[in-house]
């Protein structure tokens, strides 16, 4: 199991991770990690993902194929895009990742670009060592408690990536019948997170067949209903943990059978265990006295 904290060297297999928030950067989550065996299952985020690879190779699975990012590569993923991530080399990969909210990216795009509509990224992987340096600089500044530097570097790197690799996200077109069915299925699953229907029950309620529903849902959201449900439960658990809910209570509240069930899925999708995630949130604006106290 991947543990989380300030002192991460010497862990079994060389894996370590820190997933946290810094009070000086509202609207942003931060993850700095090295993974070797860990693999992220297909999932998505309600905000953006900007990951700077500082060592090894990260392999990213997307709806239209697989891409790899090595040292100096930047990974850019738009909201609600399903993806996987795993090591693309025996030594694994190390990276610093920013998870800016949609509102934060929209504000930076409006101030620094001429993009119209909803700003996003037209490329998923690019070779940009300077952007990687800036992403890592955001982490360092936040760890040192330097809010001015962290906020400045965050805005500089997001603006840089939008100018170099940005574009408007596709406009939503009127939904076809299959997409409408998938949307209704998603709404029903979200409303019944703790007691979801079976696939057959869900299809019957929507007036379709199980296989037709499977095809429509995967086409619309990039994953089958059961995988989407697990991802949605983990997202809701994150909000509960951020509010101070104990992991065991969060597990029950989102529909997992027990805390070990939450631990397994949460760690696979988020990259750190729920207990460590909650401790970092509870720590609030904790800072490090020196950069040497942080993960390498």
C-alpha atoms as a PDB file:
ATOM      1  CA  UNK A   1       0.000   0.000   0.000  1.00  0.00           C
ATOM      2  CA  UNK A   2       1.264   3.495  -0.821  1.00  0.00           C
ATOM      3  CA  UNK A   3       1.751   5.665   2.220  1.00  0.00           C
ATOM      4  CA  UNK A   4       1.808   9.437   2.274  1.00  0.00           C
ATOM      5  CA  UNK A   5       3.784  11.982   4.222  1.00  0.00           C
ATOM      6  CA  UNK A   6       6.778  14.258   4.315  1.00  0.00           C
ATOM      7  CA  UNK A   7       9.478  11.618   4.782  1.00  0.00           C
ATOM      8  CA  UNK A   8       9.046   9.252   1.849  1.00  0.00           C
ATOM      9  CA  UNK A   9      12.515   7.952   1.040  1.00  0.00           C
ATOM     10  CA  UNK A  10      13.401   4.319   1.688  1.00  0.00           C
ATOM     11  CA  UNK A  11       9.877   2.970   1.148  1.00  0.00           C
ATOM     12  CA  UNK A  12       9.407  -0.571  -0.072  1.00  0.00           C
ATOM     13  CA  UNK A  13       9.784  -0.597  -3.836  1.00  0.00           C
ATOM     14  CA  UNK A  14      10.861   3.047  -3.817  1.00  0.00           C
ATOM     15  CA  UNK A  15       7.255   4.325  -4.063  1.00  0.00           C
ATOM     16  CA  UNK A  16       6.110   7.457  -2.267  1.00  0.00           C
ATOM     17  CA  UNK A  17       3.356  10.019  -2.726  1.00  0.00           C
ATOM     18  CA  UNK A  18       1.958  13.197  -1.248  1.00  0.00           C
ATOM     19  CA  UNK A  19      -1.520  14.433  -2.262  1.00  0.00           C
ATOM     20  CA  UNK A  20      -2.465  17.683  -0.576  1.00  0.00           C
ATOM     21  CA  UNK A  21      -3.873  21.197  -0.717  1.00  0.00           C
ATOM     22  CA  UNK A  22      -2.113  24.443   0.169  1.00  0.00           C
ATOM     23  CA  UNK A  23      -4.253  27.190   1.715  1.00  0.00           C
ATOM     24  CA  UNK A  24      -2.421  29.810  -0.324  1.00  0.00           C
ATOM     25  CA  UNK A  25      -3.629  28.229  -3.591  1.00  0.00           C
ATOM     26  CA  UNK A  26      -7.420  27.826  -3.499  1.00  0.00           C
ATOM     27  CA  UNK A  27      -8.893  25.780  -6.326  1.00  0.00           C
ATOM     28  CA  UNK A  28      -5.834  23.547  -6.634  1.00  0.00           C
ATOM     29  CA  UNK A  29      -4.815  20.049  -5.518  1.00  0.00           C
ATOM     30  CA  UNK A  30      -1.189  18.920  -5.632  1.00  0.00           C
ATOM     31  CA  UNK A  31       0.322  15.453  -6.052  1.00  0.00           C
ATOM     32  CA  UNK A  32       4.034  14.686  -6.026  1.00  0.00           C
ATOM     33  CA  UNK A  33       4.930  11.027  -6.283  1.00  0.00           C
ATOM     34  CA  UNK A  34       7.068   8.203  -7.560  1.00  0.00           C
ATOM     35  CA  UNK A  35       5.240   5.050  -8.638  1.00  0.00           C
ATOM     36  CA  UNK A  36       6.684   1.752  -9.819  1.00  0.00           C
ATOM     37  CA  UNK A  37       4.029  -0.948  -9.419  1.00  0.00           C
ATOM     38  CA  UNK A  38       1.030   1.305  -8.835  1.00  0.00           C
ATOM     39  CA  UNK A  39      -1.366   1.662 -11.768  1.00  0.00           C
ATOM     40  CA  UNK A  40      -4.287   4.087 -11.914  1.00  0.00           C
ATOM     41  CA  UNK A  41      -7.462   2.469 -13.296  1.00  0.00           C
ATOM     42  CA  UNK A  42      -9.670   4.304 -15.773  1.00  0.00           C
ATOM     43  CA  UNK A  43     -11.066   7.384 -14.070  1.00  0.00           C
ATOM     44  CA  UNK A  44     -11.686  11.082 -14.708  1.00  0.00           C
ATOM     45  CA  UNK A  45     -11.517  14.412 -12.887  1.00  0.00           C
ATOM     46  CA  UNK A  46     -13.924  17.330 -12.678  1.00  0.00           C
ATOM     47  CA  UNK A  47     -10.975  19.700 -13.155  1.00  0.00           C
ATOM     48  CA  UNK A  48      -7.762  19.663 -15.193  1.00  0.00           C
ATOM     49  CA  UNK A  49      -4.605  17.542 -14.779  1.00  0.00           C
ATOM     50  CA  UNK A  50      -1.148  19.017 -15.445  1.00  0.00           C
ATOM     51  CA  UNK A  51       1.611  16.512 -14.699  1.00  0.00           C
ATOM     52  CA  UNK A  52       5.319  17.191 -15.150  1.00  0.00           C
ATOM     53  CA  UNK A  53       7.413  14.023 -15.413  1.00  0.00           C
ATOM     54  CA  UNK A  54      10.728  14.366 -13.584  1.00  0.00           C
ATOM     55  CA  UNK A  55      11.988  10.800 -13.988  1.00  0.00           C
ATOM     56  CA  UNK A  56      11.207   7.493 -15.674  1.00  0.00           C
ATOM     57  CA  UNK A  57       8.292   7.107 -18.078  1.00  0.00           C
ATOM     58  CA  UNK A  58       4.552   7.552 -17.510  1.00  0.00           C
ATOM     59  CA  UNK A  59       2.176   5.675 -19.826  1.00  0.00           C
ATOM     60  CA  UNK A  60      -1.229   7.336 -20.171  1.00  0.00           C
ATOM     61  CA  UNK A  61      -4.200   5.441 -21.596  1.00  0.00           C
ATOM     62  CA  UNK A  62      -6.819   7.603 -23.324  1.00  0.00           C
ATOM     63  CA  UNK A  63     -10.029   6.821 -25.221  1.00  0.00           C
ATOM     64  CA  UNK A  64      -8.166   7.080 -28.539  1.00  0.00           C
ATOM     65  CA  UNK A  65      -4.906   5.359 -27.617  1.00  0.00           C
ATOM     66  CA  UNK A  66      -1.848   5.244 -25.359  1.00  0.00           C
ATOM     67  CA  UNK A  67       0.790   7.969 -25.005  1.00  0.00           C
ATOM     68  CA  UNK A  68       4.049   8.082 -23.068  1.00  0.00           C
ATOM     69  CA  UNK A  69       5.797  10.959 -21.320  1.00  0.00           C
ATOM     70  CA  UNK A  70       9.413  10.750 -20.209  1.00  0.00           C
ATOM     71  CA  UNK A  71      11.668  13.130 -18.278  1.00  0.00           C
ATOM     72  CA  UNK A  72      10.772  16.687 -19.281  1.00  0.00           C
ATOM     73  CA  UNK A  73       7.370  15.681 -20.641  1.00  0.00           C
ATOM     74  CA  UNK A  74       4.155  17.394 -19.588  1.00  0.00           C
ATOM     75  CA  UNK A  75       0.789  15.603 -19.462  1.00  0.00           C
ATOM     76  CA  UNK A  76      -2.350  17.742 -19.946  1.00  0.00           C
ATOM     77  CA  UNK A  77      -5.810  16.206 -19.417  1.00  0.00           C
ATOM     78  CA  UNK A  78      -9.091  18.076 -19.730  1.00  0.00           C
ATOM     79  CA  UNK A  79     -12.034  17.681 -17.309  1.00  0.00           C
ATOM     80  CA  UNK A  80     -14.084  14.473 -17.482  1.00  0.00           C
ATOM     81  CA  UNK A  81     -11.683  12.759 -19.920  1.00  0.00           C
ATOM     82  CA  UNK A  82     -11.356   9.099 -18.830  1.00  0.00           C
ATOM     83  CA  UNK A  83      -7.763   7.912 -18.602  1.00  0.00           C
ATOM     84  CA  UNK A  84      -5.417   5.429 -16.987  1.00  0.00           C
ATOM     85  CA  UNK A  85      -1.803   5.835 -15.878  1.00  0.00           C
ATOM     86  CA  UNK A  86       0.972   3.357 -15.175  1.00  0.00           C
ATOM     87  CA  UNK A  87       4.722   2.995 -15.445  1.00  0.00           C
ATOM     88  CA  UNK A  88       6.139   2.855 -18.938  1.00  0.00           C
ATOM     89  CA  UNK A  89       9.590   1.726 -17.799  1.00  0.00           C
ATOM     90  CA  UNK A  90      10.927  -0.750 -15.188  1.00  0.00           C
ATOM     91  CA  UNK A  91      12.031   2.079 -12.901  1.00  0.00           C
ATOM     92  CA  UNK A  92       8.513   3.537 -12.860  1.00  0.00           C
ATOM     93  CA  UNK A  93       7.967   7.278 -13.059  1.00  0.00           C
ATOM     94  CA  UNK A  94       8.230  10.339 -10.842  1.00  0.00           C
ATOM     95  CA  UNK A  95       6.165  13.458 -11.359  1.00  0.00           C
ATOM     96  CA  UNK A  96       4.783  16.648  -9.925  1.00  0.00           C
ATOM     97  CA  UNK A  97       1.100  17.154 -10.748  1.00  0.00           C
ATOM     98  CA  UNK A  98      -1.273  20.101 -10.468  1.00  0.00           C
ATOM     99  CA  UNK A  99      -5.057  19.660 -10.425  1.00  0.00           C
ATOM    100  CA  UNK A 100      -6.451  23.169 -11.088  1.00  0.00           C
ATOM    101  CA  UNK A 101     -10.201  23.645 -10.974  1.00  0.00           C
ATOM    102  CA  UNK A 102     -12.166  24.520 -14.104  1.00  0.00           C
ATOM    103  CA  UNK A 103     -12.844  27.993 -12.663  1.00  0.00           C
ATOM    104  CA  UNK A 104      -9.147  28.664 -12.055  1.00  0.00           C
ATOM    105  CA  UNK A 105      -8.139  27.669 -15.600  1.00  0.00           C
ATOM    106  CA  UNK A 106     -11.018  29.700 -17.071  1.00  0.00           C
ATOM    107  CA  UNK A 107      -9.902  32.800 -15.156  1.00  0.00           C
ATOM    108  CA  UNK A 108      -6.284  32.443 -16.322  1.00  0.00           C
ATOM    109  CA  UNK A 109      -7.371  31.791 -19.917  1.00  0.00           C
ATOM    110  CA  UNK A 110      -9.588  34.891 -19.932  1.00  0.00           C
ATOM    111  CA  UNK A 111      -6.745  37.077 -18.691  1.00  0.00           C
ATOM    112  CA  UNK A 112      -3.871  35.708 -20.787  1.00  0.00           C
ATOM    113  CA  UNK A 113      -5.268  34.235 -24.035  1.00  0.00           C
ATOM    114  CA  UNK A 114      -7.720  34.974 -26.818  1.00  0.00           C
ATOM    115  CA  UNK A 115      -9.331  31.525 -26.611  1.00  0.00           C
ATOM    116  CA  UNK A 116     -13.093  31.568 -26.945  1.00  0.00           C
ATOM    117  CA  UNK A 117     -15.543  29.210 -25.282  1.00  0.00           C
ATOM    118  CA  UNK A 118     -14.251  26.806 -22.652  1.00  0.00           C
ATOM    119  CA  UNK A 119     -10.456  26.705 -22.696  1.00  0.00           C
ATOM    120  CA  UNK A 120      -8.724  23.348 -22.707  1.00  0.00           C
ATOM    121  CA  UNK A 121      -5.710  21.538 -24.089  1.00  0.00           C
ATOM    122  CA  UNK A 122      -5.523  20.291 -27.677  1.00  0.00           C
ATOM    123  CA  UNK A 123      -2.556  18.023 -26.899  1.00  0.00           C
ATOM    124  CA  UNK A 124      -2.214  15.488 -24.112  1.00  0.00           C
ATOM    125  CA  UNK A 125       1.573  15.030 -24.032  1.00  0.00           C
ATOM    126  CA  UNK A 126       4.293  17.509 -25.016  1.00  0.00           C
ATOM    127  CA  UNK A 127       8.028  17.783 -24.466  1.00  0.00           C
ATOM    128  CA  UNK A 128       8.365  20.948 -22.373  1.00  0.00           C
ATOM    129  CA  UNK A 129      11.116  20.827 -19.710  1.00  0.00           C
ATOM    130  CA  UNK A 130      10.488  24.483 -18.779  1.00  0.00           C
ATOM    131  CA  UNK A 131       6.828  23.763 -17.998  1.00  0.00           C
ATOM    132  CA  UNK A 132       7.907  20.762 -15.903  1.00  0.00           C
ATOM    133  CA  UNK A 133      10.339  23.010 -14.008  1.00  0.00           C
ATOM    134  CA  UNK A 134       7.547  25.498 -13.341  1.00  0.00           C
ATOM    135  CA  UNK A 135       5.127  22.803 -12.129  1.00  0.00           C
ATOM    136  CA  UNK A 136       7.792  21.475  -9.784  1.00  0.00           C
ATOM    137  CA  UNK A 137       8.427  25.059  -8.658  1.00  0.00           C
ATOM    138  CA  UNK A 138       4.777  25.437  -7.628  1.00  0.00           C
ATOM    139  CA  UNK A 139       5.190  22.399  -5.375  1.00  0.00           C
ATOM    140  CA  UNK A 140       8.458  23.639  -3.872  1.00  0.00           C
ATOM    141  CA  UNK A 141       7.048  27.089  -3.149  1.00  0.00           C
ATOM    142  CA  UNK A 142       3.906  25.633  -1.572  1.00  0.00           C
ATOM    143  CA  UNK A 143       5.965  23.250   0.578  1.00  0.00           C
ATOM    144  CA  UNK A 144       8.041  26.201   1.772  1.00  0.00           C
ATOM    145  CA  UNK A 145       4.905  28.231   2.564  1.00  0.00           C
ATOM    146  CA  UNK A 146       5.732  30.867  -0.067  1.00  0.00           C
ATOM    147  CA  UNK A 147       2.229  31.753  -1.285  1.00  0.00           C
ATOM    148  CA  UNK A 148       3.368  34.619  -3.531  1.00  0.00           C
ATOM    149  CA  UNK A 149       5.831  32.444  -5.442  1.00  0.00           C
ATOM    150  CA  UNK A 150       3.462  29.466  -5.613  1.00  0.00           C
ATOM    151  CA  UNK A 151       0.573  31.527  -6.991  1.00  0.00           C
ATOM    152  CA  UNK A 152       2.832  33.338  -9.466  1.00  0.00           C
ATOM    153  CA  UNK A 153       4.397  30.152 -10.821  1.00  0.00           C
ATOM    154  CA  UNK A 154       0.997  28.455 -11.045  1.00  0.00           C
ATOM    155  CA  UNK A 155      -0.411  31.236 -13.215  1.00  0.00           C
ATOM    156  CA  UNK A 156       2.740  31.417 -15.350  1.00  0.00           C
ATOM    157  CA  UNK A 157       2.740  27.696 -16.136  1.00  0.00           C
ATOM    158  CA  UNK A 158      -1.006  27.450 -16.843  1.00  0.00           C
ATOM    159  CA  UNK A 159      -0.811  30.489 -19.144  1.00  0.00           C
ATOM    160  CA  UNK A 160       2.247  29.029 -20.902  1.00  0.00           C
ATOM    161  CA  UNK A 161       0.543  25.702 -21.532  1.00  0.00           C
ATOM    162  CA  UNK A 162      -2.674  27.346 -22.735  1.00  0.00           C
ATOM    163  CA  UNK A 163      -0.753  29.537 -25.199  1.00  0.00           C
ATOM    164  CA  UNK A 164       1.363  26.660 -26.512  1.00  0.00           C
ATOM    165  CA  UNK A 165      -1.065  23.756 -26.397  1.00  0.00           C
ATOM    166  CA  UNK A 166      -4.489  25.251 -25.690  1.00  0.00           C
ATOM    167  CA  UNK A 167      -7.680  25.380 -27.672  1.00  0.00           C
ATOM    168  CA  UNK A 168     -11.427  25.610 -27.095  1.00  0.00           C
ATOM    169  CA  UNK A 169     -13.075  22.441 -25.859  1.00  0.00           C
ATOM    170  CA  UNK A 170     -15.611  21.001 -28.318  1.00  0.00           C
ATOM    171  CA  UNK A 171     -19.081  22.498 -28.157  1.00  0.00           C
ATOM    172  CA  UNK A 172     -21.727  20.156 -26.833  1.00  0.00           C
ATOM    173  CA  UNK A 173     -24.127  19.090 -29.557  1.00  0.00           C
ATOM    174  CA  UNK A 174     -27.717  17.928 -29.031  1.00  0.00           C
ATOM    175  CA  UNK A 175     -27.551  14.454 -27.553  1.00  0.00           C
ATOM    176  CA  UNK A 176     -28.549  11.439 -29.617  1.00  0.00           C
ATOM    177  CA  UNK A 177     -30.907   8.880 -28.128  1.00  0.00           C
ATOM    178  CA  UNK A 178     -28.039   6.722 -26.808  1.00  0.00           C
ATOM    179  CA  UNK A 179     -26.347   9.675 -25.162  1.00  0.00           C
ATOM    180  CA  UNK A 180     -29.615  10.761 -23.564  1.00  0.00           C
ATOM    181  CA  UNK A 181     -30.091   7.251 -22.186  1.00  0.00           C
ATOM    182  CA  UNK A 182     -26.521   7.264 -20.838  1.00  0.00           C
ATOM    183  CA  UNK A 183     -27.135  10.627 -19.194  1.00  0.00           C
ATOM    184  CA  UNK A 184     -30.290   9.402 -17.512  1.00  0.00           C
ATOM    185  CA  UNK A 185     -28.433   6.287 -16.327  1.00  0.00           C
ATOM    186  CA  UNK A 186     -25.666   8.415 -14.862  1.00  0.00           C
ATOM    187  CA  UNK A 187     -28.168  10.606 -13.014  1.00  0.00           C
ATOM    188  CA  UNK A 188     -29.900   7.541 -11.565  1.00  0.00           C
ATOM    189  CA  UNK A 189     -26.597   6.028 -10.423  1.00  0.00           C
ATOM    190  CA  UNK A 190     -25.543   9.299  -8.829  1.00  0.00           C
ATOM    191  CA  UNK A 191     -28.860   9.514  -6.974  1.00  0.00           C
ATOM    192  CA  UNK A 192     -28.552   5.906  -5.772  1.00  0.00           C
ATOM    193  CA  UNK A 193     -24.836   5.829  -5.041  1.00  0.00           C
ATOM    194  CA  UNK A 194     -25.235   3.720  -1.904  1.00  0.00           C
ATOM    195  CA  UNK A 195     -27.805   1.272  -3.308  1.00  0.00           C
ATOM    196  CA  UNK A 196     -27.422   1.148  -7.096  1.00  0.00           C
ATOM    197  CA  UNK A 197     -29.615  -1.049  -9.292  1.00  0.00           C
ATOM    198  CA  UNK A 198     -28.234  -3.971 -11.269  1.00  0.00           C
ATOM    199  CA  UNK A 199     -27.515  -3.406 -14.951  1.00  0.00           C
ATOM    200  CA  UNK A 200     -30.680  -5.284 -15.875  1.00  0.00           C
ATOM    201  CA  UNK A 201     -32.800  -3.245 -13.453  1.00  0.00           C
ATOM    202  CA  UNK A 202     -31.267  -0.003 -14.711  1.00  0.00           C
ATOM    203  CA  UNK A 203     -31.862  -0.926 -18.359  1.00  0.00           C
ATOM    204  CA  UNK A 204     -35.467  -1.929 -17.625  1.00  0.00           C
ATOM    205  CA  UNK A 205     -36.125   1.367 -15.867  1.00  0.00           C
ATOM    206  CA  UNK A 206     -34.740   3.263 -18.850  1.00  0.00           C
ATOM    207  CA  UNK A 207     -36.618   1.200 -21.412  1.00  0.00           C
ATOM    208  CA  UNK A 208     -33.580  -0.331 -23.093  1.00  0.00           C
ATOM    209  CA  UNK A 209     -31.550  -3.555 -23.052  1.00  0.00           C
ATOM    210  CA  UNK A 210     -28.504  -4.209 -20.833  1.00  0.00           C
ATOM    211  CA  UNK A 211     -26.063  -4.454 -23.759  1.00  0.00           C
ATOM    212  CA  UNK A 212     -27.484  -1.360 -25.451  1.00  0.00           C
ATOM    213  CA  UNK A 213     -27.072   0.539 -22.169  1.00  0.00           C
ATOM    214  CA  UNK A 214     -23.497  -0.728 -21.759  1.00  0.00           C
ATOM    215  CA  UNK A 215     -22.568   0.443 -25.258  1.00  0.00           C
ATOM    216  CA  UNK A 216     -24.237   3.850 -24.860  1.00  0.00           C
ATOM    217  CA  UNK A 217     -22.750   4.516 -21.424  1.00  0.00           C
ATOM    218  CA  UNK A 218     -19.207   3.575 -22.445  1.00  0.00           C
ATOM    219  CA  UNK A 219     -19.452   5.697 -25.581  1.00  0.00           C
ATOM    220  CA  UNK A 220     -20.654   8.690 -23.564  1.00  0.00           C
ATOM    221  CA  UNK A 221     -18.337   8.419 -20.537  1.00  0.00           C
ATOM    222  CA  UNK A 222     -15.441   6.232 -21.616  1.00  0.00           C
ATOM    223  CA  UNK A 223     -16.083   3.516 -19.050  1.00  0.00           C
ATOM    224  CA  UNK A 224     -18.870   1.056 -18.172  1.00  0.00           C
ATOM    225  CA  UNK A 225     -21.462   1.969 -15.493  1.00  0.00           C
ATOM    226  CA  UNK A 226     -19.823  -0.065 -12.706  1.00  0.00           C
ATOM    227  CA  UNK A 227     -16.425   1.631 -13.233  1.00  0.00           C
ATOM    228  CA  UNK A 228     -18.068   5.058 -13.385  1.00  0.00           C
ATOM    229  CA  UNK A 229     -19.923   4.283 -10.142  1.00  0.00           C
ATOM    230  CA  UNK A 230     -16.677   3.409  -8.341  1.00  0.00           C
ATOM    231  CA  UNK A 231     -15.083   6.628  -9.601  1.00  0.00           C
ATOM    232  CA  UNK A 232     -18.124   8.654  -8.454  1.00  0.00           C
ATOM    233  CA  UNK A 233     -18.008   7.042  -5.012  1.00  0.00           C
ATOM    234  CA  UNK A 234     -14.338   7.921  -4.636  1.00  0.00           C
ATOM    235  CA  UNK A 235     -15.016  11.530  -5.674  1.00  0.00           C
ATOM    236  CA  UNK A 236     -17.736  11.840  -3.055  1.00  0.00           C
ATOM    237  CA  UNK A 237     -15.513  10.178  -0.457  1.00  0.00           C
ATOM    238  CA  UNK A 238     -12.845  12.788  -1.175  1.00  0.00           C
ATOM    239  CA  UNK A 239     -15.302  15.577  -0.357  1.00  0.00           C
ATOM    240  CA  UNK A 240     -16.316  13.866   2.870  1.00  0.00           C
ATOM    241  CA  UNK A 241     -12.693  13.303   3.910  1.00  0.00           C
ATOM    242  CA  UNK A 242     -11.896  16.945   3.145  1.00  0.00           C
ATOM    243  CA  UNK A 243     -14.735  17.905   5.510  1.00  0.00           C
ATOM    244  CA  UNK A 244     -13.173  15.786   8.264  1.00  0.00           C
ATOM    245  CA  UNK A 245     -15.255  12.593   8.011  1.00  0.00           C
ATOM    246  CA  UNK A 246     -13.453   9.482   9.258  1.00  0.00           C
ATOM    247  CA  UNK A 247     -12.571   6.990   6.488  1.00  0.00           C
ATOM    248  CA  UNK A 248     -14.777   4.261   7.977  1.00  0.00           C
ATOM    249  CA  UNK A 249     -17.789   6.602   8.011  1.00  0.00           C
ATOM    250  CA  UNK A 250     -17.016   7.907   4.523  1.00  0.00           C
ATOM    251  CA  UNK A 251     -16.899   4.341   3.205  1.00  0.00           C
ATOM    252  CA  UNK A 252     -20.434   3.629   4.403  1.00  0.00           C
ATOM    253  CA  UNK A 253     -21.736   7.041   3.313  1.00  0.00           C
ATOM    254  CA  UNK A 254     -20.711   6.510  -0.325  1.00  0.00           C
ATOM    255  CA  UNK A 255     -21.807   2.887  -0.607  1.00  0.00           C
ATOM    256  CA  UNK A 256     -18.641   0.842  -0.068  1.00  0.00           C
ATOM    257  CA  UNK A 257     -19.126  -2.253   2.078  1.00  0.00           C
ATOM    258  CA  UNK A 258     -16.389  -1.297   4.558  1.00  0.00           C
ATOM    259  CA  UNK A 259     -13.232   0.754   5.003  1.00  0.00           C
ATOM    260  CA  UNK A 260     -10.875  -1.806   3.349  1.00  0.00           C
ATOM    261  CA  UNK A 261     -13.118  -1.646   0.268  1.00  0.00           C
ATOM    262  CA  UNK A 262     -12.782   2.159   0.243  1.00  0.00           C
ATOM    263  CA  UNK A 263      -9.038   1.921   0.903  1.00  0.00           C
ATOM    264  CA  UNK A 264      -8.479  -0.320  -2.111  1.00  0.00           C
ATOM    265  CA  UNK A 265     -10.413   1.732  -4.634  1.00  0.00           C
ATOM    266  CA  UNK A 266      -9.415   5.135  -3.216  1.00  0.00           C
ATOM    267  CA  UNK A 267      -5.706   4.286  -3.286  1.00  0.00           C
ATOM    268  CA  UNK A 268      -5.901   2.956  -6.841  1.00  0.00           C
ATOM    269  CA  UNK A 269      -7.712   6.047  -8.183  1.00  0.00           C
ATOM    270  CA  UNK A 270      -6.279   8.890  -6.064  1.00  0.00           C
ATOM    271  CA  UNK A 271      -2.790   7.473  -5.539  1.00  0.00           C
ATOM    272  CA  UNK A 272      -2.739   7.685  -1.726  1.00  0.00           C
ATOM    273  CA  UNK A 273      -4.821   5.974   1.005  1.00  0.00           C
ATOM    274  CA  UNK A 274      -7.905   7.787   2.382  1.00  0.00           C
ATOM    275  CA  UNK A 275      -6.427   8.120   5.865  1.00  0.00           C
ATOM    276  CA  UNK A 276      -3.347   9.906   4.513  1.00  0.00           C
ATOM    277  CA  UNK A 277      -5.525  12.056   2.266  1.00  0.00           C
ATOM    278  CA  UNK A 278      -7.646  13.136   5.255  1.00  0.00           C
ATOM    279  CA  UNK A 279      -4.576  13.871   7.426  1.00  0.00           C
ATOM    280  CA  UNK A 280      -3.153  16.204   4.784  1.00  0.00           C
ATOM    281  CA  UNK A 281      -6.449  18.075   4.555  1.00  0.00           C
ATOM    282  CA  UNK A 282      -6.641  18.347   8.344  1.00  0.00           C
ATOM    283  CA  UNK A 283      -3.107  19.758   8.398  1.00  0.00           C
ATOM    284  CA  UNK A 284      -4.384  22.739   6.413  1.00  0.00           C
ATOM    285  CA  UNK A 285      -1.660  25.249   5.725  1.00  0.00           C
ATOM    286  CA  UNK A 286       1.176  23.119   7.105  1.00  0.00           C
ATOM    287  CA  UNK A 287       4.521  24.176   5.670  1.00  0.00           C
ATOM    288  CA  UNK A 288       8.026  22.733   5.733  1.00  0.00           C
ATOM    289  CA  UNK A 289      10.924  24.494   7.340  1.00  0.00           C
ATOM    290  CA  UNK A 290      13.242  23.502   4.509  1.00  0.00           C
ATOM    291  CA  UNK A 291      12.837  21.925   1.113  1.00  0.00           C
ATOM    292  CA  UNK A 292      14.896  19.005   2.449  1.00  0.00           C
ATOM    293  CA  UNK A 293      11.955  18.001   4.629  1.00  0.00           C
ATOM    294  CA  UNK A 294       9.818  17.311   1.565  1.00  0.00           C
ATOM    295  CA  UNK A 295       9.838  14.251  -0.673  1.00  0.00           C
ATOM    296  CA  UNK A 296      12.748  14.247  -3.149  1.00  0.00           C
END
